[in-house]
Amino acid sequence: MKQTTQKQWNTVAIVALLVVGSMALQSQALRRIETAKPAVSVSVDFGRVFNSLEERSFEQEKAQALINTIDEDLLRRRKHIEDYEQEFELYTAGSEKWEDLVKQQQLELVEYESIGEYRNLRAAREESKGLRSIYKNIRKACAELSKQNGWDYVFVNDLIAPLPEGDDVDMDSVISSRRMLYANPTMDVTDALIEHMNASFDEMAVR
């Protein structure tokens, strides 16, 4: 009989502990809910940010300077290849010297075409490298401004670009690619982001 009573008390004690623990967890959860603040979300016009950055102009000028150097080399090579035509006139067609000139011209033409292909690949590579660097810096700047201003999310406002006109547009794909349905204009921080990034870039340039 004593053992049965002891087991009953043990069961009651365990149940009581579970009830108290559950109430404590619920109370903590309620306190967290009561103190939680609404998330602050802002948006940016990504295209305007990208095209307004001094860093973007710098990257473009740097890449163009490299491509200009290659273009100048291509121009010199092209002129040299064309100059062979004047030398051909000095020798009889089919002669040993004439054949040597033809081979030299063909070899230089192959080199010219190879450098032309390299030029295009290098231009695409430099463009991609510049875009990657700028995009990383945009994300970094957004994180810095968010900490300063208490923003929780910074969205790209894809509503800026209007829907394409015409009945032959794949609207399913267009709509599926959109992520925002509405953006409060007062929560647009495009200008603040541009100003922050350009100021930071100017400071780095001075250093």
N, C-alpha and C. Protein backbone atom coordinates (compact mmCIF):
# COMPACT_ATOMS: atom_id res chain seq x y z
N MET A 1 0.84 -1.21 0.00
CA MET A 1 0.00 0.00 0.00
C MET A 1 0.87 1.26 0.00
N LYS A 2 1.94 1.26 0.84
CA LYS A 2 2.84 2.41 0.90
C LYS A 2 3.54 2.63 -0.43
N GLN A 3 3.92 1.50 -1.09
CA GLN A 3 4.60 1.63 -2.38
C GLN A 3 3.67 2.24 -3.43
N THR A 4 2.40 1.86 -3.41
CA THR A 4 1.43 2.40 -4.37
C THR A 4 1.24 3.89 -4.15
N THR A 5 1.14 4.29 -2.87
CA THR A 5 0.98 5.73 -2.55
C THR A 5 2.19 6.53 -2.98
N GLN A 6 3.39 5.94 -2.78
CA GLN A 6 4.62 6.63 -3.17
C GLN A 6 4.68 6.83 -4.67
N LYS A 7 4.29 5.81 -5.44
CA LYS A 7 4.27 5.92 -6.91
C LYS A 7 3.31 6.99 -7.36
N GLN A 8 2.15 7.07 -6.70
CA GLN A 8 1.16 8.08 -7.07
C GLN A 8 1.71 9.48 -6.84
N TRP A 9 2.39 9.66 -5.69
CA TRP A 9 2.98 10.98 -5.39
C TRP A 9 4.07 11.34 -6.40
N ASN A 10 4.85 10.33 -6.78
CA ASN A 10 5.90 10.56 -7.77
C ASN A 10 5.30 11.01 -9.10
N THR A 11 4.20 10.35 -9.47
CA THR A 11 3.54 10.70 -10.73
C THR A 11 2.99 12.12 -10.69
N VAL A 12 2.37 12.48 -9.55
CA VAL A 12 1.83 13.82 -9.38
C VAL A 12 2.94 14.86 -9.46
N ALA A 13 4.06 14.54 -8.83
CA ALA A 13 5.18 15.49 -8.82
C ALA A 13 5.72 15.71 -10.23
N ILE A 14 5.84 14.62 -11.01
CA ILE A 14 6.34 14.74 -12.38
C ILE A 14 5.40 15.58 -13.23
N VAL A 15 4.10 15.31 -13.11
CA VAL A 15 3.10 16.07 -13.87
C VAL A 15 3.16 17.54 -13.50
N ALA A 16 3.30 17.81 -12.20
CA ALA A 16 3.35 19.19 -11.74
C ALA A 16 4.57 19.91 -12.33
N LEU A 17 5.71 19.22 -12.36
CA LEU A 17 6.92 19.82 -12.93
C LEU A 17 6.74 20.11 -14.41
N LEU A 18 6.10 19.19 -15.14
CA LEU A 18 5.86 19.39 -16.56
C LEU A 18 4.95 20.59 -16.81
N VAL A 19 3.92 20.71 -15.97
CA VAL A 19 2.98 21.83 -16.13
C VAL A 19 3.67 23.15 -15.86
N VAL A 20 4.46 23.20 -14.78
CA VAL A 20 5.17 24.42 -14.43
C VAL A 20 6.17 24.79 -15.53
N GLY A 21 6.90 23.76 -16.03
CA GLY A 21 7.87 24.01 -17.10
C GLY A 21 7.20 24.53 -18.35
N SER A 22 6.08 23.95 -18.72
CA SER A 22 5.35 24.37 -19.91
C SER A 22 4.88 25.81 -19.78
N MET A 23 4.37 26.15 -18.59
CA MET A 23 3.90 27.52 -18.35
C MET A 23 5.06 28.52 -18.45
N ALA A 24 6.21 28.10 -17.95
CA ALA A 24 7.37 28.99 -17.98
C ALA A 24 7.81 29.24 -19.42
N LEU A 25 7.82 28.18 -20.24
CA LEU A 25 8.20 28.33 -21.65
C LEU A 25 7.21 29.22 -22.39
N GLN A 26 5.92 29.01 -22.12
CA GLN A 26 4.90 29.84 -22.77
C GLN A 26 5.05 31.30 -22.37
N SER A 27 5.37 31.53 -21.10
CA SER A 27 5.54 32.90 -20.62
C SER A 27 6.72 33.58 -21.32
N GLN A 28 7.84 32.83 -21.49
CA GLN A 28 9.00 33.40 -22.18
C GLN A 28 8.69 33.68 -23.64
N ALA A 29 7.95 32.75 -24.26
CA ALA A 29 7.60 32.94 -25.67
C ALA A 29 6.72 34.17 -25.84
N LEU A 30 5.76 34.36 -24.91
CA LEU A 30 4.88 35.51 -24.98
C LEU A 30 5.66 36.81 -24.80
N ARG A 31 6.65 36.78 -23.89
CA ARG A 31 7.45 37.98 -23.68
C ARG A 31 8.25 38.33 -24.93
N ARG A 32 8.76 37.28 -25.61
CA ARG A 32 9.51 37.53 -26.84
C ARG A 32 8.62 38.13 -27.90
N ILE A 33 7.38 37.61 -28.00
CA ILE A 33 6.44 38.12 -29.00
C ILE A 33 6.07 39.57 -28.71
N GLU A 34 5.87 39.86 -27.41
CA GLU A 34 5.46 41.21 -27.03
C GLU A 34 6.56 42.23 -27.30
N THR A 35 7.83 41.82 -27.14
CA THR A 35 8.93 42.77 -27.30
C THR A 35 9.47 42.81 -28.73
N ALA A 36 9.02 41.89 -29.58
CA ALA A 36 9.53 41.86 -30.96
C ALA A 36 9.09 43.11 -31.71
N LYS A 37 10.02 43.67 -32.51
CA LYS A 37 9.72 44.87 -33.29
C LYS A 37 9.53 44.50 -34.75
N PRO A 38 8.67 45.23 -35.45
CA PRO A 38 8.48 44.96 -36.87
C PRO A 38 9.78 45.15 -37.64
N ALA A 39 10.02 44.29 -38.62
CA ALA A 39 11.22 44.40 -39.44
C ALA A 39 11.14 45.65 -40.31
N VAL A 40 12.27 46.32 -40.45
CA VAL A 40 12.34 47.52 -41.29
C VAL A 40 12.90 47.11 -42.65
N SER A 41 12.09 47.31 -43.68
CA SER A 41 12.50 46.95 -45.04
C SER A 41 12.58 48.20 -45.91
N VAL A 42 13.64 48.29 -46.69
CA VAL A 42 13.82 49.40 -47.63
C VAL A 42 14.13 48.82 -49.01
N SER A 43 14.06 49.67 -50.02
CA SER A 43 14.31 49.19 -51.39
C SER A 43 15.26 50.14 -52.11
N VAL A 44 15.88 49.61 -53.17
CA VAL A 44 16.77 50.42 -54.00
C VAL A 44 16.50 50.14 -55.47
N ASP A 45 16.74 51.16 -56.27
CA ASP A 45 16.71 51.02 -57.72
C ASP A 45 18.11 50.57 -58.12
N PHE A 46 18.27 49.27 -58.33
CA PHE A 46 19.61 48.71 -58.54
C PHE A 46 20.27 49.28 -59.79
N GLY A 47 19.49 49.45 -60.84
CA GLY A 47 20.05 49.98 -62.08
C GLY A 47 20.61 51.38 -61.90
N ARG A 48 19.88 52.22 -61.19
CA ARG A 48 20.33 53.60 -60.97
C ARG A 48 21.54 53.63 -60.06
N VAL A 49 21.55 52.75 -59.06
CA VAL A 49 22.73 52.66 -58.20
C VAL A 49 23.95 52.29 -59.03
N PHE A 50 23.81 51.25 -59.81
CA PHE A 50 24.93 50.73 -60.58
C PHE A 50 25.50 51.78 -61.54
N ASN A 51 24.61 52.47 -62.22
CA ASN A 51 25.06 53.43 -63.23
C ASN A 51 25.49 54.77 -62.65
N SER A 52 25.28 54.98 -61.35
CA SER A 52 25.63 56.26 -60.74
C SER A 52 26.90 56.18 -59.90
N LEU A 53 27.49 55.01 -59.83
CA LEU A 53 28.67 54.83 -58.98
C LEU A 53 29.94 55.30 -59.69
N GLU A 54 30.76 56.04 -58.97
CA GLU A 54 32.05 56.45 -59.49
C GLU A 54 32.95 55.22 -59.70
N GLU A 55 32.75 54.23 -58.87
CA GLU A 55 33.53 52.99 -59.00
C GLU A 55 33.23 52.31 -60.33
N ARG A 56 31.98 52.39 -60.78
CA ARG A 56 31.60 51.80 -62.06
C ARG A 56 32.33 52.50 -63.20
N SER A 57 32.38 53.82 -63.17
CA SER A 57 33.09 54.58 -64.19
C SER A 57 34.58 54.25 -64.18
N PHE A 58 35.12 54.12 -62.98
CA PHE A 58 36.54 53.78 -62.83
C PHE A 58 36.85 52.42 -63.45
N GLU A 59 36.02 51.43 -63.15
CA GLU A 59 36.23 50.09 -63.69
C GLU A 59 36.11 50.07 -65.21
N GLN A 60 35.14 50.82 -65.73
CA GLN A 60 34.97 50.88 -67.17
C GLN A 60 36.17 51.53 -67.85
N GLU A 61 36.66 52.63 -67.27
CA GLU A 61 37.82 53.32 -67.84
C GLU A 61 39.06 52.44 -67.78
N LYS A 62 39.23 51.72 -66.69
CA LYS A 62 40.39 50.83 -66.55
C LYS A 62 40.35 49.72 -67.58
N ALA A 63 39.17 49.12 -67.75
CA ALA A 63 39.03 48.05 -68.74
C ALA A 63 39.22 48.59 -70.15
N GLN A 64 38.67 49.79 -70.43
CA GLN A 64 38.78 50.37 -71.76
C GLN A 64 40.22 50.72 -72.10
N ALA A 65 40.99 51.15 -71.11
CA ALA A 65 42.40 51.47 -71.34
C ALA A 65 43.16 50.23 -71.79
N LEU A 66 42.84 49.12 -71.16
CA LEU A 66 43.48 47.86 -71.54
C LEU A 66 43.10 47.45 -72.96
N ILE A 67 41.81 47.57 -73.27
CA ILE A 67 41.33 47.20 -74.60
C ILE A 67 41.90 48.14 -75.66
N ASN A 68 42.05 49.41 -75.32
CA ASN A 68 42.61 50.37 -76.27
C ASN A 68 44.05 50.00 -76.64
N THR A 69 44.79 49.52 -75.66
CA THR A 69 46.17 49.09 -75.92
C THR A 69 46.20 47.93 -76.90
N ILE A 70 45.28 46.99 -76.71
CA ILE A 70 45.21 45.84 -77.62
C ILE A 70 44.76 46.30 -79.01
N ASP A 71 43.80 47.23 -79.04
CA ASP A 71 43.31 47.74 -80.33
C ASP A 71 44.41 48.46 -81.11
N GLU A 72 45.24 49.18 -80.39
CA GLU A 72 46.36 49.87 -81.06
C GLU A 72 47.33 48.86 -81.67
N ASP A 73 47.57 47.79 -80.93
CA ASP A 73 48.44 46.73 -81.46
C ASP A 73 47.82 46.08 -82.69
N LEU A 74 46.51 45.85 -82.63
CA LEU A 74 45.81 45.25 -83.78
C LEU A 74 45.88 46.17 -85.00
N LEU A 75 45.77 47.47 -84.75
CA LEU A 75 45.82 48.43 -85.86
C LEU A 75 47.19 48.41 -86.54
N ARG A 76 48.25 48.35 -85.72
CA ARG A 76 49.60 48.29 -86.29
C ARG A 76 49.79 47.00 -87.09
N ARG A 77 49.31 45.91 -86.53
CA ARG A 77 49.44 44.63 -87.23
C ARG A 77 48.66 44.62 -88.54
N ARG A 78 47.47 45.20 -88.51
CA ARG A 78 46.65 45.25 -89.72
C ARG A 78 47.34 46.05 -90.82
N LYS A 79 47.91 47.17 -90.43
CA LYS A 79 48.61 48.00 -91.41
C LYS A 79 49.81 47.26 -92.01
N HIS A 80 50.53 46.54 -91.16
CA HIS A 80 51.69 45.79 -91.64
C HIS A 80 51.28 44.69 -92.61
N ILE A 81 50.15 44.04 -92.33
CA ILE A 81 49.65 43.00 -93.23
C ILE A 81 49.27 43.59 -94.58
N GLU A 82 48.63 44.77 -94.53
CA GLU A 82 48.23 45.42 -95.79
C GLU A 82 49.44 45.91 -96.59
N ASP A 83 50.52 46.25 -95.88
CA ASP A 83 51.73 46.74 -96.56
C ASP A 83 52.38 45.66 -97.42
N TYR A 84 52.07 44.40 -97.13
CA TYR A 84 52.64 43.33 -97.94
C TYR A 84 52.23 43.46 -99.41
N GLU A 85 51.05 44.04 -99.64
CA GLU A 85 50.56 44.16 -101.02
C GLU A 85 51.52 44.97 -101.87
N GLN A 86 52.14 45.98 -101.29
CA GLN A 86 53.10 46.79 -102.02
C GLN A 86 54.38 45.99 -102.31
N GLU A 87 54.78 45.15 -101.36
CA GLU A 87 55.99 44.35 -101.57
C GLU A 87 55.76 43.28 -102.64
N PHE A 88 54.54 42.78 -102.73
CA PHE A 88 54.25 41.75 -103.74
C PHE A 88 54.56 42.26 -105.15
N GLU A 89 54.32 43.55 -105.33
CA GLU A 89 54.52 44.15 -106.66
C GLU A 89 56.00 44.18 -107.08
N LEU A 90 56.89 44.01 -106.10
CA LEU A 90 58.33 44.06 -106.40
C LEU A 90 58.87 42.73 -106.92
N TYR A 91 58.07 41.67 -106.77
CA TYR A 91 58.55 40.35 -107.15
C TYR A 91 57.56 39.67 -108.09
N THR A 92 58.08 38.73 -108.85
CA THR A 92 57.24 37.99 -109.78
C THR A 92 56.38 37.01 -109.01
N ALA A 93 55.10 37.00 -109.35
CA ALA A 93 54.19 36.06 -108.68
C ALA A 93 54.67 34.63 -108.89
N GLY A 94 54.74 33.89 -107.81
CA GLY A 94 55.19 32.50 -107.87
C GLY A 94 56.66 32.33 -107.61
N SER A 95 57.43 33.43 -107.58
CA SER A 95 58.86 33.33 -107.29
C SER A 95 59.08 32.96 -105.83
N GLU A 96 60.30 32.56 -105.52
CA GLU A 96 60.61 32.12 -104.16
C GLU A 96 60.39 33.25 -103.15
N LYS A 97 60.84 34.45 -103.49
CA LYS A 97 60.67 35.59 -102.60
C LYS A 97 59.20 35.94 -102.44
N TRP A 98 58.49 35.88 -103.55
CA TRP A 98 57.05 36.18 -103.52
C TRP A 98 56.32 35.18 -102.62
N GLU A 99 56.67 33.89 -102.73
CA GLU A 99 56.05 32.85 -101.91
C GLU A 99 56.38 33.06 -100.43
N ASP A 100 57.62 33.48 -100.15
CA ASP A 100 58.00 33.74 -98.76
C ASP A 100 57.16 34.87 -98.16
N LEU A 101 56.94 35.90 -98.96
CA LEU A 101 56.13 37.03 -98.50
C LEU A 101 54.69 36.61 -98.23
N VAL A 102 54.16 35.75 -99.10
CA VAL A 102 52.79 35.25 -98.92
C VAL A 102 52.69 34.47 -97.62
N LYS A 103 53.67 33.62 -97.34
CA LYS A 103 53.65 32.83 -96.10
C LYS A 103 53.74 33.74 -94.88
N GLN A 104 54.61 34.75 -94.95
CA GLN A 104 54.74 35.69 -93.83
C GLN A 104 53.44 36.44 -93.59
N GLN A 105 52.81 36.86 -94.68
CA GLN A 105 51.54 37.58 -94.55
C GLN A 105 50.47 36.69 -93.93
N GLN A 106 50.40 35.45 -94.40
CA GLN A 106 49.39 34.52 -93.87
C GLN A 106 49.63 34.25 -92.39
N LEU A 107 50.90 34.11 -92.01
CA LEU A 107 51.23 33.85 -90.60
C LEU A 107 50.82 35.04 -89.74
N GLU A 108 51.12 36.25 -90.20
CA GLU A 108 50.75 37.44 -89.45
C GLU A 108 49.24 37.63 -89.41
N LEU A 109 48.56 37.20 -90.45
CA LEU A 109 47.11 37.29 -90.46
C LEU A 109 46.50 36.36 -89.43
N VAL A 110 47.06 35.17 -89.31
CA VAL A 110 46.59 34.23 -88.28
C VAL A 110 46.80 34.81 -86.88
N GLU A 111 47.98 35.40 -86.66
CA GLU A 111 48.27 36.02 -85.37
C GLU A 111 47.31 37.18 -85.10
N TYR A 112 47.04 37.94 -86.14
CA TYR A 112 46.13 39.08 -86.02
C TYR A 112 44.73 38.62 -85.61
N GLU A 113 44.25 37.58 -86.24
CA GLU A 113 42.91 37.06 -85.93
C GLU A 113 42.88 36.47 -84.52
N SER A 114 43.97 35.83 -84.10
CA SER A 114 44.02 35.26 -82.74
C SER A 114 43.99 36.35 -81.69
N ILE A 115 44.75 37.41 -81.94
CA ILE A 115 44.76 38.53 -81.00
C ILE A 115 43.40 39.22 -80.97
N GLY A 116 42.71 39.26 -82.12
CA GLY A 116 41.37 39.83 -82.17
C GLY A 116 40.39 39.04 -81.31
N GLU A 117 40.50 37.72 -81.36
CA GLU A 117 39.64 36.88 -80.52
C GLU A 117 39.98 37.06 -79.04
N TYR A 118 41.30 37.14 -78.77
CA TYR A 118 41.73 37.36 -77.39
C TYR A 118 41.21 38.70 -76.87
N ARG A 119 41.22 39.69 -77.75
CA ARG A 119 40.74 41.02 -77.37
C ARG A 119 39.30 40.96 -76.91
N ASN A 120 38.45 40.25 -77.64
CA ASN A 120 37.04 40.15 -77.28
C ASN A 120 36.85 39.37 -75.98
N LEU A 121 37.61 38.29 -75.82
CA LEU A 121 37.52 37.50 -74.59
C LEU A 121 38.00 38.31 -73.39
N ARG A 122 39.06 39.06 -73.57
CA ARG A 122 39.60 39.87 -72.48
C ARG A 122 38.64 40.98 -72.09
N ALA A 123 37.98 41.57 -73.08
CA ALA A 123 37.00 42.62 -72.80
C ALA A 123 35.85 42.06 -71.97
N ALA A 124 35.35 40.87 -72.34
CA ALA A 124 34.26 40.25 -71.60
C ALA A 124 34.71 39.88 -70.19
N ARG A 125 35.95 39.41 -70.07
CA ARG A 125 36.48 39.03 -68.76
C ARG A 125 36.61 40.23 -67.84
N GLU A 126 37.15 41.33 -68.37
CA GLU A 126 37.32 42.54 -67.57
C GLU A 126 35.97 43.10 -67.14
N GLU A 127 34.99 43.04 -68.03
CA GLU A 127 33.64 43.51 -67.70
C GLU A 127 33.05 42.67 -66.57
N SER A 128 33.18 41.35 -66.69
CA SER A 128 32.66 40.45 -65.67
C SER A 128 33.35 40.66 -64.33
N LYS A 129 34.67 40.83 -64.36
CA LYS A 129 35.43 41.04 -63.12
C LYS A 129 35.02 42.34 -62.44
N GLY A 130 34.83 43.38 -63.24
CA GLY A 130 34.41 44.66 -62.69
C GLY A 130 33.02 44.60 -62.08
N LEU A 131 32.10 43.92 -62.77
CA LEU A 131 30.73 43.80 -62.25
C LEU A 131 30.70 43.02 -60.95
N ARG A 132 31.47 41.96 -60.88
CA ARG A 132 31.52 41.15 -59.65
C ARG A 132 32.02 41.99 -58.47
N SER A 133 33.08 42.75 -58.71
CA SER A 133 33.65 43.58 -57.64
C SER A 133 32.65 44.64 -57.17
N ILE A 134 31.99 45.30 -58.11
CA ILE A 134 31.04 46.34 -57.75
C ILE A 134 29.84 45.75 -56.99
N TYR A 135 29.36 44.60 -57.44
CA TYR A 135 28.21 43.97 -56.78
C TYR A 135 28.56 43.62 -55.32
N LYS A 136 29.76 43.11 -55.09
CA LYS A 136 30.18 42.79 -53.73
C LYS A 136 30.23 44.05 -52.88
N ASN A 137 30.70 45.14 -53.47
CA ASN A 137 30.79 46.39 -52.72
C ASN A 137 29.41 46.99 -52.43
N ILE A 138 28.48 46.77 -53.34
CA ILE A 138 27.10 47.23 -53.10
C ILE A 138 26.51 46.49 -51.90
N ARG A 139 26.72 45.18 -51.86
CA ARG A 139 26.21 44.40 -50.73
C ARG A 139 26.88 44.84 -49.42
N LYS A 140 28.18 45.10 -49.49
CA LYS A 140 28.91 45.55 -48.30
C LYS A 140 28.37 46.89 -47.82
N ALA A 141 28.13 47.80 -48.76
CA ALA A 141 27.62 49.13 -48.41
C ALA A 141 26.22 49.03 -47.82
N CYS A 142 25.39 48.15 -48.37
CA CYS A 142 24.03 47.95 -47.84
C CYS A 142 24.09 47.46 -46.40
N ALA A 143 25.03 46.56 -46.11
CA ALA A 143 25.18 46.05 -44.75
C ALA A 143 25.60 47.18 -43.80
N GLU A 144 26.52 48.02 -44.24
CA GLU A 144 26.98 49.13 -43.41
C GLU A 144 25.86 50.11 -43.12
N LEU A 145 25.11 50.50 -44.16
CA LEU A 145 24.01 51.44 -43.97
C LEU A 145 22.89 50.83 -43.12
N SER A 146 22.67 49.53 -43.29
CA SER A 146 21.62 48.87 -42.51
C SER A 146 21.94 48.92 -41.02
N LYS A 147 23.21 48.69 -40.67
CA LYS A 147 23.60 48.76 -39.26
C LYS A 147 23.46 50.17 -38.72
N GLN A 148 23.78 51.16 -39.55
CA GLN A 148 23.70 52.55 -39.11
C GLN A 148 22.26 53.02 -38.94
N ASN A 149 21.36 52.53 -39.78
CA ASN A 149 19.99 53.06 -39.81
C ASN A 149 18.94 52.09 -39.27
N GLY A 150 19.35 50.91 -38.86
CA GLY A 150 18.39 49.97 -38.30
C GLY A 150 17.52 49.28 -39.33
N TRP A 151 18.03 49.11 -40.55
CA TRP A 151 17.29 48.39 -41.58
C TRP A 151 17.53 46.89 -41.40
N ASP A 152 16.48 46.13 -41.61
CA ASP A 152 16.61 44.68 -41.52
C ASP A 152 16.76 44.02 -42.90
N TYR A 153 16.13 44.61 -43.90
CA TYR A 153 16.19 44.05 -45.25
C TYR A 153 16.33 45.19 -46.27
N VAL A 154 17.17 44.95 -47.26
CA VAL A 154 17.31 45.88 -48.38
C VAL A 154 16.98 45.10 -49.65
N PHE A 155 15.86 45.46 -50.28
CA PHE A 155 15.39 44.75 -51.46
C PHE A 155 15.71 45.51 -52.74
N VAL A 156 15.94 44.77 -53.80
CA VAL A 156 16.04 45.38 -55.13
C VAL A 156 14.62 45.60 -55.64
N ASN A 157 14.29 46.84 -55.95
CA ASN A 157 12.94 47.16 -56.41
C ASN A 157 12.82 46.83 -57.89
N ASP A 158 12.29 45.64 -58.19
CA ASP A 158 12.16 45.24 -59.60
C ASP A 158 10.88 45.78 -60.24
N LEU A 159 10.16 46.63 -59.49
CA LEU A 159 8.98 47.28 -60.06
C LEU A 159 9.37 48.48 -60.92
N ILE A 160 10.64 48.91 -60.80
CA ILE A 160 11.11 50.08 -61.54
C ILE A 160 10.96 49.85 -63.04
N ALA A 161 11.34 48.66 -63.49
CA ALA A 161 11.24 48.34 -64.92
C ALA A 161 9.79 48.01 -65.26
N PRO A 162 9.19 48.72 -66.22
CA PRO A 162 7.79 48.45 -66.59
C PRO A 162 7.66 47.09 -67.29
N LEU A 163 6.46 46.56 -67.25
CA LEU A 163 6.21 45.31 -67.96
C LEU A 163 6.33 45.54 -69.45
N PRO A 164 6.92 44.61 -70.18
CA PRO A 164 7.07 44.79 -71.64
C PRO A 164 5.72 44.84 -72.34
N GLU A 165 5.66 45.64 -73.39
CA GLU A 165 4.43 45.77 -74.17
C GLU A 165 4.34 44.67 -75.23
N GLY A 166 3.14 44.47 -75.74
CA GLY A 166 2.96 43.51 -76.83
C GLY A 166 2.29 42.23 -76.36
N ASP A 167 1.63 41.56 -77.29
CA ASP A 167 0.93 40.32 -76.96
C ASP A 167 1.79 39.08 -77.15
N ASP A 168 2.97 39.25 -77.75
CA ASP A 168 3.83 38.09 -78.00
C ASP A 168 4.89 37.93 -76.92
N VAL A 169 4.73 38.64 -75.79
CA VAL A 169 5.68 38.56 -74.68
C VAL A 169 5.34 37.35 -73.82
N ASP A 170 6.37 36.65 -73.36
CA ASP A 170 6.18 35.52 -72.45
C ASP A 170 5.93 36.09 -71.04
N MET A 171 4.69 36.48 -70.80
CA MET A 171 4.36 37.14 -69.54
C MET A 171 4.53 36.21 -68.35
N ASP A 172 4.37 34.91 -68.56
CA ASP A 172 4.55 33.97 -67.45
C ASP A 172 5.96 34.06 -66.90
N SER A 173 6.94 34.12 -67.80
CA SER A 173 8.34 34.23 -67.38
C SER A 173 8.61 35.59 -66.77
N VAL A 174 8.03 36.64 -67.38
CA VAL A 174 8.26 38.00 -66.88
C VAL A 174 7.72 38.14 -65.46
N ILE A 175 6.49 37.68 -65.25
CA ILE A 175 5.87 37.80 -63.92
C ILE A 175 6.59 36.92 -62.91
N SER A 176 7.00 35.73 -63.34
CA SER A 176 7.68 34.82 -62.42
C SER A 176 9.02 35.37 -61.95
N SER A 177 9.64 36.21 -62.78
CA SER A 177 10.94 36.77 -62.41
C SER A 177 10.81 37.93 -61.44
N ARG A 178 9.61 38.49 -61.29
CA ARG A 178 9.40 39.61 -60.37
C ARG A 178 9.27 39.10 -58.94
N ARG A 179 9.80 39.87 -57.99
CA ARG A 179 9.75 39.47 -56.59
C ARG A 179 8.95 40.45 -55.72
N MET A 180 8.69 41.66 -56.22
CA MET A 180 7.98 42.65 -55.43
C MET A 180 6.67 43.02 -56.11
N LEU A 181 5.64 43.22 -55.31
CA LEU A 181 4.34 43.65 -55.82
C LEU A 181 4.07 45.12 -55.48
N TYR A 182 4.73 45.61 -54.44
CA TYR A 182 4.56 47.01 -54.07
C TYR A 182 5.77 47.46 -53.27
N ALA A 183 6.19 48.69 -53.49
CA ALA A 183 7.30 49.27 -52.73
C ALA A 183 6.93 50.70 -52.38
N ASN A 184 6.91 51.01 -51.11
CA ASN A 184 6.60 52.35 -50.64
C ASN A 184 7.71 53.30 -51.07
N PRO A 185 7.41 54.31 -51.87
CA PRO A 185 8.45 55.24 -52.36
C PRO A 185 9.23 55.91 -51.23
N THR A 186 8.59 56.11 -50.08
CA THR A 186 9.27 56.77 -48.97
C THR A 186 10.34 55.88 -48.35
N MET A 187 10.32 54.59 -48.67
CA MET A 187 11.30 53.66 -48.13
C MET A 187 12.39 53.35 -49.16
N ASP A 188 12.47 54.17 -50.20
CA ASP A 188 13.52 54.00 -51.20
C ASP A 188 14.80 54.69 -50.71
N VAL A 189 15.90 53.95 -50.67
CA VAL A 189 17.16 54.48 -50.14
C VAL A 189 18.24 54.53 -51.22
N THR A 190 17.81 54.59 -52.46
CA THR A 190 18.76 54.59 -53.58
C THR A 190 19.77 55.73 -53.47
N ASP A 191 19.28 56.94 -53.24
CA ASP A 191 20.18 58.10 -53.17
C ASP A 191 21.17 57.97 -52.02
N ALA A 192 20.69 57.47 -50.88
CA ALA A 192 21.57 57.31 -49.72
C ALA A 192 22.67 56.30 -50.01
N LEU A 193 22.33 55.23 -50.71
CA LEU A 193 23.32 54.20 -51.04
C LEU A 193 24.35 54.74 -52.02
N ILE A 194 23.89 55.47 -53.03
CA ILE A 194 24.81 56.06 -54.02
C ILE A 194 25.77 57.03 -53.34
N GLU A 195 25.21 57.92 -52.51
CA GLU A 195 26.03 58.91 -51.82
C GLU A 195 27.06 58.24 -50.92
N HIS A 196 26.64 57.21 -50.20
CA HIS A 196 27.54 56.49 -49.29
C HIS A 196 28.68 55.82 -50.05
N MET A 197 28.35 55.16 -51.16
CA MET A 197 29.36 54.42 -51.91
C MET A 197 30.32 55.36 -52.62
N ASN A 198 29.81 56.45 -53.18
CA ASN A 198 30.70 57.40 -53.87
C ASN A 198 31.62 58.10 -52.89
N ALA A 199 31.11 58.41 -51.71
CA ALA A 199 31.94 59.04 -50.69
C ALA A 199 33.04 58.08 -50.25
N SER A 200 32.69 56.81 -50.08
CA SER A 200 33.68 55.81 -49.66
C SER A 200 34.72 55.61 -50.75
N PHE A 201 34.29 55.63 -52.01
CA PHE A 201 35.22 55.45 -53.13
C PHE A 201 36.18 56.63 -53.23
N ASP A 202 35.66 57.84 -53.04
CA ASP A 202 36.50 59.04 -53.08
C ASP A 202 37.54 58.99 -51.97
N GLU A 203 37.12 58.51 -50.80
CA GLU A 203 38.05 58.43 -49.67
C GLU A 203 39.16 57.43 -49.97
N MET A 204 38.82 56.30 -50.59
CA MET A 204 39.82 55.31 -50.94
C MET A 204 40.77 55.85 -52.01
N ALA A 205 40.22 56.65 -52.93
CA ALA A 205 41.03 57.21 -54.02
C ALA A 205 42.07 58.19 -53.47
N VAL A 206 41.68 58.95 -52.46
CA VAL A 206 42.59 59.91 -51.85
C VAL A 206 43.76 59.19 -51.18
N ARG A 207 43.44 58.04 -50.58
CA ARG A 207 44.50 57.26 -49.91
C ARG A 207 45.48 56.70 -50.95
